[in-house]
Amino acid sequence: MTYARARLLLGMFGVGLIVVLSAFLLLARYPLEILPDSESWSSDDLTALALVFGCLAAVLFPLDLLGGYLLPNRWRPNTISLKMFAAGWLRGVLVQGTLFVAASLLILLMGRWLGTTGAVVAIAGFAILLVGVQLPIAKFVGALRNRAADDGDIDAKLERAQSIVSTWGWKPRPITALQHRDTGFTGGIVGLPGMETVVLPAETIRKLSPDQLAIVIARRLEAIQSGSRTRGLLLALVWVVVGFALSTLLPAAGVTSVAGLTMTCLGFTLWTFFGLLTLPTLSRQASYAIDGKVLQSGASPEVLQQTVKAFDVLQDDEPRRSALIETIFHPVPSVHNRRSPTPGGAPIAWHAARITLFVSWACMGMLVRAVHCNVGRPELWVMLPTD
């Protein structure tokens, strides 16, 4: 048993638990018996929505405790104290709960005014807003903060790395380095298309050489300039909006009462689960294509492999995994499978699988923090690990 395998089993159990509970509650129509079914506004709506999220948080808490405190300290002693875990977990849950309840109220508002069409428009708008403010949400949920302005080591490495990247032909983009506690924090790309910012983990920058850091930056710039990040984002938006719209067609589901909306969300959970099984393949394809493009532009294959390995060690340290496990559970290819990237091929939809989880905050996605990579880790709830 390794840390990576323990996390995978925990994620499988957590996702399976939520899916089975959702299917049971959906078939039993239990929300219709205990939640308000009125289509008129009352204080009971807010109370019931808070209760629904509270139940979700209670179900996930034992998994969060395992994933955020017990397992990390079992394999990486003194990683986090119980007090730090509890404070971070409570902060993250309160922020997420506030956003979930706000999204629910917005859906009810538009649903009662314009029906399902209005609710779907509300979800699309809220999802786009979430993407636009992903960085401040990530900071708030995970207690992330900007790195010190006078950090000479990071400044020197960034300057050198950006110089290397420019010789490879990529246009510069805004870069933000964030201080973090969780070594699995990878940063990513935030912002709406045309306004992207590359986010880098400050602690990881200190561990990488300028050449390795250049590869990290170049890969993310390629994801932006090739349109792969935009396509991944659009796929995530479409997946969430279409899935929610289809879920409203289930028996007793709806968007005009708390009970009906809960039934819709239970159905959407099953749709999200289907996405967890299918979208990782597109994410891995984009990773391979971007690797090839970076090599084609002049990066060293040896440095690329060193960089990939360094990121893997800081996360779950699983350089090899079976083909079946990777196909189903891992949108980021293993170190072993990225040994010999082949130049050529278009990166279809970068990071599509995991950006879908964040976007599904717009309609109370119940699986958004139950997957193996971020269960119990608030710093990774908004910006899920990427390549």
Protein backbone atom coordinates (compact mmCIF):
# COMPACT_ATOMS: atom_id res chain seq x y z
CA MET A 1 0.00 0.00 0.00
CA THR A 2 1.36 3.40 -1.02
CA TYR A 3 0.14 6.93 -0.36
CA ALA A 4 -1.12 7.20 -3.95
CA ARG A 5 -2.98 3.91 -3.76
CA ALA A 6 -4.49 4.77 -0.38
CA ARG A 7 -5.77 8.06 -1.79
CA LEU A 8 -7.17 6.30 -4.84
CA LEU A 9 -9.07 3.81 -2.69
CA LEU A 10 -10.38 6.65 -0.54
CA GLY A 11 -11.52 8.54 -3.62
CA MET A 12 -13.17 5.45 -5.09
CA PHE A 13 -15.02 4.87 -1.83
CA GLY A 14 -16.05 8.51 -1.51
CA VAL A 15 -17.28 8.87 -5.06
CA GLY A 16 -18.99 5.49 -4.87
CA LEU A 17 -20.68 6.42 -1.59
CA ILE A 18 -22.05 9.70 -2.97
CA VAL A 19 -23.20 8.06 -6.20
CA VAL A 20 -24.96 5.17 -4.42
CA LEU A 21 -26.62 7.52 -1.92
CA SER A 22 -27.73 9.80 -4.76
CA ALA A 23 -29.19 6.92 -6.73
CA PHE A 24 -31.00 5.59 -3.63
CA LEU A 25 -32.45 8.98 -2.67
CA LEU A 26 -33.44 9.61 -6.26
CA LEU A 27 -35.27 6.29 -6.63
CA ALA A 28 -36.88 6.55 -3.19
CA ARG A 29 -37.81 10.21 -3.84
CA TYR A 30 -36.88 10.90 -0.24
CA PRO A 31 -36.20 14.65 -0.76
CA LEU A 32 -39.87 15.10 -1.68
CA GLU A 33 -40.86 13.83 1.76
CA ILE A 34 -38.64 16.03 3.92
CA LEU A 35 -37.87 19.18 1.91
CA PRO A 36 -40.17 22.08 1.01
CA ASP A 37 -42.05 21.49 -2.26
CA SER A 38 -43.65 24.94 -2.40
CA GLU A 39 -42.93 27.11 -5.43
CA SER A 40 -43.39 30.28 -3.40
CA TRP A 41 -40.62 31.99 -1.47
CA SER A 42 -40.32 31.44 2.27
CA SER A 43 -37.62 31.33 4.91
CA ASP A 44 -37.87 27.55 4.76
CA ASP A 45 -36.10 27.61 1.39
CA LEU A 46 -32.87 28.99 2.81
CA THR A 47 -33.05 26.72 5.86
CA ALA A 48 -33.61 23.64 3.71
CA LEU A 49 -30.77 24.49 1.31
CA ALA A 50 -28.39 24.98 4.22
CA LEU A 51 -29.57 21.64 5.62
CA VAL A 52 -28.88 19.88 2.32
CA PHE A 53 -25.35 21.22 2.15
CA GLY A 54 -24.82 20.48 5.84
CA CYS A 55 -25.78 16.85 5.23
CA LEU A 56 -23.34 16.66 2.32
CA ALA A 57 -20.56 18.14 4.46
CA ALA A 58 -21.34 15.70 7.27
CA VAL A 59 -21.17 12.72 4.91
CA LEU A 60 -17.86 13.92 3.48
CA PHE A 61 -16.24 14.86 6.79
CA PRO A 62 -14.86 11.38 7.67
CA LEU A 63 -13.42 11.16 4.14
CA ASP A 64 -11.96 14.65 4.47
CA LEU A 65 -10.39 13.72 7.79
CA LEU A 66 -8.76 10.70 6.20
CA GLY A 67 -7.66 12.47 3.03
CA GLY A 68 -6.56 15.73 4.59
CA TYR A 69 -5.09 14.64 7.91
CA LEU A 70 -4.71 10.92 8.64
CA LEU A 71 -3.34 9.64 5.33
CA PRO A 72 -0.87 12.51 4.74
CA ASN A 73 0.50 12.16 8.26
CA ARG A 74 0.69 8.37 7.91
CA TRP A 75 2.96 8.52 4.86
CA ARG A 76 4.46 11.97 5.32
CA PRO A 77 4.78 12.51 9.08
CA ASN A 78 4.19 15.98 10.58
CA THR A 79 2.63 17.18 7.34
CA ILE A 80 -0.25 18.97 9.08
CA SER A 81 -1.53 19.34 12.61
CA LEU A 82 -5.10 18.51 13.53
CA LYS A 83 -5.70 22.16 14.42
CA MET A 84 -4.46 23.33 11.02
CA PHE A 85 -6.56 20.74 9.25
CA ALA A 86 -9.71 21.65 11.19
CA ALA A 87 -9.25 25.38 10.58
CA GLY A 88 -8.60 24.91 6.87
CA TRP A 89 -11.47 22.46 6.46
CA LEU A 90 -13.96 24.71 8.26
CA ARG A 91 -12.91 27.74 6.21
CA GLY A 92 -13.21 25.85 2.94
CA VAL A 93 -16.56 24.30 3.81
CA LEU A 94 -18.07 27.64 4.88
CA VAL A 95 -16.98 29.36 1.66
CA GLN A 96 -18.12 26.50 -0.53
CA GLY A 97 -21.41 26.23 1.36
CA THR A 98 -22.07 29.93 0.87
CA LEU A 99 -21.47 29.64 -2.87
CA PHE A 100 -23.55 26.48 -3.15
CA VAL A 101 -26.50 28.06 -1.37
CA ALA A 102 -26.16 31.24 -3.46
CA ALA A 103 -26.17 29.17 -6.66
CA SER A 104 -29.23 27.27 -5.44
CA LEU A 105 -31.14 30.45 -4.68
CA LEU A 106 -30.25 31.84 -8.10
CA ILE A 107 -31.50 28.68 -9.81
CA LEU A 108 -34.75 28.82 -7.82
CA LEU A 109 -35.16 32.50 -8.65
CA MET A 110 -34.73 31.99 -12.39
CA GLY A 111 -36.61 28.70 -12.35
CA ARG A 112 -39.67 30.24 -10.70
CA TRP A 113 -39.52 33.18 -13.08
CA LEU A 114 -38.63 31.59 -16.42
CA GLY A 115 -38.82 27.85 -15.82
CA THR A 116 -36.11 25.36 -16.76
CA THR A 117 -34.75 27.65 -19.47
CA GLY A 118 -34.18 30.41 -16.94
CA ALA A 119 -32.49 28.00 -14.52
CA VAL A 120 -30.15 26.72 -17.22
CA VAL A 121 -29.23 30.29 -18.20
CA ALA A 122 -28.56 31.05 -14.53
CA ILE A 123 -26.22 28.07 -14.23
CA ALA A 124 -24.33 29.05 -17.38
CA GLY A 125 -23.94 32.62 -16.14
CA PHE A 126 -22.87 31.57 -12.64
CA ALA A 127 -20.37 29.08 -14.08
CA ILE A 128 -18.80 31.76 -16.27
CA LEU A 129 -18.60 34.05 -13.24
CA LEU A 130 -16.87 31.30 -11.26
CA VAL A 131 -14.26 30.91 -13.98
CA GLY A 132 -13.67 34.66 -14.03
CA VAL A 133 -13.07 34.81 -10.28
CA GLN A 134 -11.47 31.39 -9.81
CA LEU A 135 -8.24 32.84 -8.44
CA PRO A 136 -9.77 34.85 -5.57
CA ILE A 137 -12.08 31.94 -4.73
CA ALA A 138 -9.08 29.59 -4.63
CA LYS A 139 -7.25 31.99 -2.32
CA PHE A 140 -10.25 32.34 -0.04
CA VAL A 141 -11.12 28.63 0.15
CA GLY A 142 -7.55 27.37 0.51
CA ALA A 143 -6.01 30.29 2.42
CA LEU A 144 -3.56 30.72 -0.44
CA ARG A 145 -1.66 33.99 -0.65
CA ASN A 146 0.65 35.82 -3.01
CA ARG A 147 4.30 35.02 -2.53
CA ALA A 148 6.52 37.61 -0.87
CA ALA A 149 7.34 40.45 -3.24
CA ASP A 150 10.99 40.53 -2.18
CA ASP A 151 11.68 36.81 -2.67
CA GLY A 152 14.88 37.07 -4.69
CA ASP A 153 15.25 33.34 -5.34
CA ILE A 154 11.84 33.08 -6.99
CA ASP A 155 12.32 36.34 -8.88
CA ALA A 156 15.63 35.16 -10.32
CA LYS A 157 14.25 31.77 -11.36
CA LEU A 158 11.15 33.29 -12.94
CA GLU A 159 13.19 35.82 -14.87
CA ARG A 160 15.56 33.15 -16.17
CA ALA A 161 12.73 30.74 -16.99
CA GLN A 162 10.74 33.38 -18.87
CA SER A 163 13.84 34.26 -20.87
CA ILE A 164 14.18 30.63 -21.91
CA VAL A 165 10.48 30.39 -22.78
CA SER A 166 10.70 33.48 -24.99
CA THR A 167 13.50 31.87 -27.02
CA TRP A 168 11.16 28.94 -27.66
CA GLY A 169 8.62 31.30 -29.22
CA TRP A 170 5.82 31.73 -26.69
CA LYS A 171 4.33 35.11 -25.93
CA PRO A 172 4.53 36.14 -22.25
CA ARG A 173 1.43 36.06 -20.08
CA PRO A 174 0.75 37.30 -16.54
CA ILE A 175 2.21 34.92 -13.97
CA THR A 176 1.21 34.70 -10.31
CA ALA A 177 3.11 32.62 -7.75
CA LEU A 178 1.11 31.57 -4.70
CA GLN A 179 2.32 30.50 -1.28
CA HIS A 180 0.79 27.18 -0.27
CA ARG A 181 1.09 24.50 2.41
CA ASP A 182 -0.06 21.43 0.48
CA THR A 183 2.79 20.07 -1.65
CA GLY A 184 0.21 18.75 -4.12
CA PHE A 185 -0.81 22.26 -5.15
CA THR A 186 0.17 22.66 -8.82
CA GLY A 187 -1.39 25.99 -9.75
CA GLY A 188 -2.78 26.09 -13.26
CA ILE A 189 -4.46 28.61 -15.54
CA VAL A 190 -7.22 30.92 -14.34
CA GLY A 191 -9.37 33.59 -15.95
CA LEU A 192 -11.72 33.83 -18.88
CA PRO A 193 -10.36 33.27 -22.42
CA GLY A 194 -8.28 36.26 -23.46
CA MET A 195 -7.63 37.21 -19.82
CA GLU A 196 -5.70 34.18 -18.62
CA THR A 197 -3.16 34.17 -15.82
CA VAL A 198 -0.67 31.36 -15.23
CA VAL A 199 -0.61 30.36 -11.57
CA LEU A 200 2.51 28.69 -10.20
CA PRO A 201 3.14 27.11 -6.77
CA ALA A 202 5.80 29.14 -4.99
CA GLU A 203 7.21 26.25 -2.98
CA THR A 204 7.56 24.15 -6.10
CA ILE A 205 9.40 26.96 -7.90
CA ARG A 206 12.06 26.81 -5.20
CA LYS A 207 12.58 23.11 -5.92
CA LEU A 208 12.85 23.42 -9.72
CA SER A 209 15.77 24.59 -11.79
CA PRO A 210 15.19 27.50 -14.23
CA ASP A 211 15.14 25.01 -17.12
CA GLN A 212 12.51 22.88 -15.40
CA LEU A 213 10.46 25.93 -14.49
CA ALA A 214 10.64 27.06 -18.13
CA ILE A 215 9.00 23.80 -19.18
CA VAL A 216 6.17 24.26 -16.68
CA ILE A 217 5.52 27.79 -17.96
CA ALA A 218 5.87 26.82 -21.63
CA ARG A 219 3.37 23.97 -21.28
CA ARG A 220 0.74 26.28 -19.81
CA LEU A 221 1.39 28.97 -22.39
CA GLU A 222 0.97 26.33 -25.09
CA ALA A 223 -2.33 25.26 -23.52
CA ILE A 224 -3.50 28.87 -23.82
CA GLN A 225 -2.10 29.74 -27.25
CA SER A 226 -3.20 26.50 -28.89
CA GLY A 227 -6.76 27.08 -27.66
CA SER A 228 -6.67 23.83 -25.72
CA ARG A 229 -7.44 25.48 -22.39
CA THR A 230 -10.35 27.37 -23.96
CA ARG A 231 -11.70 24.17 -25.50
CA GLY A 232 -11.37 22.37 -22.18
CA LEU A 233 -13.22 25.21 -20.48
CA LEU A 234 -16.00 25.23 -23.08
CA LEU A 235 -16.36 21.45 -22.81
CA ALA A 236 -16.67 21.78 -19.04
CA LEU A 237 -19.35 24.46 -19.35
CA VAL A 238 -21.32 22.50 -21.93
CA TRP A 239 -21.00 19.29 -19.94
CA VAL A 240 -22.34 20.91 -16.78
CA VAL A 241 -25.16 22.89 -18.42
CA VAL A 242 -26.36 20.00 -20.59
CA GLY A 243 -26.11 17.55 -17.71
CA PHE A 244 -28.17 19.76 -15.43
CA ALA A 245 -30.79 20.36 -18.15
CA LEU A 246 -31.12 16.61 -18.70
CA SER A 247 -31.38 16.01 -14.97
CA THR A 248 -34.42 18.29 -14.77
CA LEU A 249 -36.25 15.77 -16.99
CA LEU A 250 -36.06 13.04 -14.35
CA PRO A 251 -39.29 12.13 -12.51
CA ALA A 252 -40.10 14.62 -9.74
CA ALA A 253 -37.04 16.73 -10.59
CA GLY A 254 -37.42 20.47 -11.11
CA VAL A 255 -36.09 23.96 -10.54
CA THR A 256 -38.99 25.67 -8.78
CA SER A 257 -38.87 24.09 -5.31
CA VAL A 258 -36.11 23.00 -2.96
CA ALA A 259 -37.34 19.40 -3.10
CA GLY A 260 -37.45 19.35 -6.90
CA LEU A 261 -34.06 21.05 -7.16
CA THR A 262 -32.52 18.50 -4.80
CA MET A 263 -33.87 15.70 -6.99
CA THR A 264 -32.30 17.41 -10.01
CA CYS A 265 -28.96 17.68 -8.20
CA LEU A 266 -29.06 14.00 -7.31
CA GLY A 267 -29.54 13.19 -10.97
CA PHE A 268 -26.74 15.60 -11.89
CA THR A 269 -24.44 13.71 -9.51
CA LEU A 270 -24.90 10.59 -11.64
CA TRP A 271 -24.13 12.65 -14.75
CA THR A 272 -20.98 13.99 -13.09
CA PHE A 273 -19.92 10.45 -12.29
CA PHE A 274 -20.24 9.55 -15.97
CA GLY A 275 -17.98 12.51 -16.74
CA LEU A 276 -15.38 11.27 -14.25
CA LEU A 277 -15.15 8.06 -16.27
CA THR A 278 -14.96 9.61 -19.75
CA LEU A 279 -13.37 13.07 -19.64
CA PRO A 280 -9.93 12.03 -18.28
CA THR A 281 -9.07 10.52 -21.67
CA LEU A 282 -9.35 13.93 -23.35
CA SER A 283 -7.24 15.54 -20.63
CA ARG A 284 -4.46 12.97 -21.04
CA GLN A 285 -4.50 13.41 -24.84
CA ALA A 286 -3.96 17.15 -24.40
CA SER A 287 -1.08 16.52 -21.98
CA TYR A 288 0.72 14.28 -24.45
CA ALA A 289 0.21 16.75 -27.32
CA ILE A 290 1.51 19.68 -25.26
CA ASP A 291 4.56 17.67 -24.20
CA GLY A 292 5.28 17.02 -27.87
CA LYS A 293 4.88 20.68 -28.80
CA VAL A 294 7.28 21.80 -26.06
CA LEU A 295 9.91 19.32 -27.26
CA GLN A 296 9.37 20.43 -30.84
CA SER A 297 10.09 24.01 -29.80
CA GLY A 298 13.50 23.17 -28.38
CA ALA A 299 13.07 21.86 -24.83
CA SER A 300 15.27 18.99 -23.69
CA PRO A 301 13.54 15.58 -23.37
CA GLU A 302 15.65 14.86 -20.29
CA VAL A 303 14.63 18.11 -18.58
CA LEU A 304 10.98 17.48 -19.47
CA GLN A 305 11.16 14.06 -17.84
CA GLN A 306 12.89 15.50 -14.76
CA THR A 307 10.18 18.15 -14.46
CA VAL A 308 7.35 15.65 -14.79
CA LYS A 309 8.99 13.45 -12.15
CA ALA A 310 9.51 16.37 -9.78
CA PHE A 311 5.82 17.32 -9.97
CA ASP A 312 4.78 13.71 -9.41
CA VAL A 313 6.97 13.34 -6.30
CA LEU A 314 5.45 16.48 -4.79
CA GLN A 315 1.94 15.13 -5.37
CA ASP A 316 1.22 11.43 -4.78
CA ASP A 317 4.58 9.99 -5.95
CA GLU A 318 3.18 7.32 -8.27
CA PRO A 319 5.41 7.21 -11.38
CA ARG A 320 3.77 4.03 -12.70
CA ARG A 321 0.19 2.80 -12.68
CA SER A 322 -1.80 0.21 -14.57
CA ALA A 323 -3.44 1.14 -17.87
CA LEU A 324 -6.92 0.46 -16.48
CA ILE A 325 -6.40 2.60 -13.36
CA GLU A 326 -5.01 5.48 -15.40
CA THR A 327 -7.76 5.30 -18.03
CA ILE A 328 -10.53 5.59 -15.47
CA PHE A 329 -9.13 7.68 -12.64
CA HIS A 330 -6.23 9.83 -13.83
CA PRO A 331 -6.55 12.77 -16.25
CA VAL A 332 -2.83 13.49 -15.80
CA PRO A 333 -0.64 10.78 -17.40
CA SER A 334 1.90 8.97 -15.25
CA VAL A 335 5.61 9.75 -15.41
CA HIS A 336 6.26 6.39 -17.04
CA ASN A 337 3.73 7.01 -19.81
CA ARG A 338 5.21 10.44 -20.58
CA ARG A 339 8.73 9.15 -21.18
CA SER A 340 8.63 9.44 -24.98
CA PRO A 341 6.14 12.09 -26.12
CA THR A 342 5.71 12.26 -29.88
CA PRO A 343 5.65 15.73 -31.48
CA GLY A 344 2.48 16.37 -33.42
CA GLY A 345 -1.23 16.23 -32.76
CA ALA A 346 -3.53 18.94 -31.51
CA PRO A 347 -4.20 19.21 -27.76
CA ILE A 348 -7.96 18.82 -27.80
CA ALA A 349 -9.16 19.89 -24.36
CA TRP A 350 -6.56 20.57 -21.67
CA HIS A 351 -7.59 19.90 -18.04
CA ALA A 352 -11.19 19.25 -19.14
CA ALA A 353 -11.93 16.56 -16.55
CA ARG A 354 -10.99 18.55 -13.48
CA ILE A 355 -12.14 22.00 -14.59
CA THR A 356 -15.56 20.35 -15.04
CA LEU A 357 -15.58 19.58 -11.33
CA PHE A 358 -14.92 23.21 -10.41
CA VAL A 359 -17.47 24.53 -12.91
CA SER A 360 -20.08 22.20 -11.42
CA TRP A 361 -20.02 24.39 -8.29
CA ALA A 362 -22.59 26.39 -10.28
CA CYS A 363 -25.17 23.65 -9.72
CA MET A 364 -24.07 22.15 -6.40
CA GLY A 365 -21.95 19.33 -7.78
CA MET A 366 -21.71 16.80 -4.96
CA LEU A 367 -18.55 15.11 -6.25
CA VAL A 368 -16.41 18.22 -6.59
CA ARG A 369 -14.27 17.43 -3.54
CA ALA A 370 -14.78 13.69 -3.15
CA VAL A 371 -12.26 12.60 -5.80
CA HIS A 372 -8.92 11.11 -4.79
CA CYS A 373 -6.78 14.11 -5.75
CA ASN A 374 -8.49 16.67 -3.50
CA VAL A 375 -10.56 14.95 -0.81
CA GLY A 376 -9.76 16.66 2.48
CA ARG A 377 -7.43 19.21 0.82
CA PRO A 378 -9.12 22.65 0.64
CA GLU A 379 -6.16 24.16 -1.21
CA LEU A 380 -7.04 21.84 -4.10
CA TRP A 381 -10.82 22.19 -4.08
CA VAL A 382 -10.89 25.12 -6.50
CA MET A 383 -7.66 24.59 -8.46
CA LEU A 384 -7.45 20.84 -8.83
CA PRO A 385 -4.04 19.31 -9.60
CA THR A 386 -2.94 19.50 -13.21
CA ASP A 387 0.08 18.67 -15.36
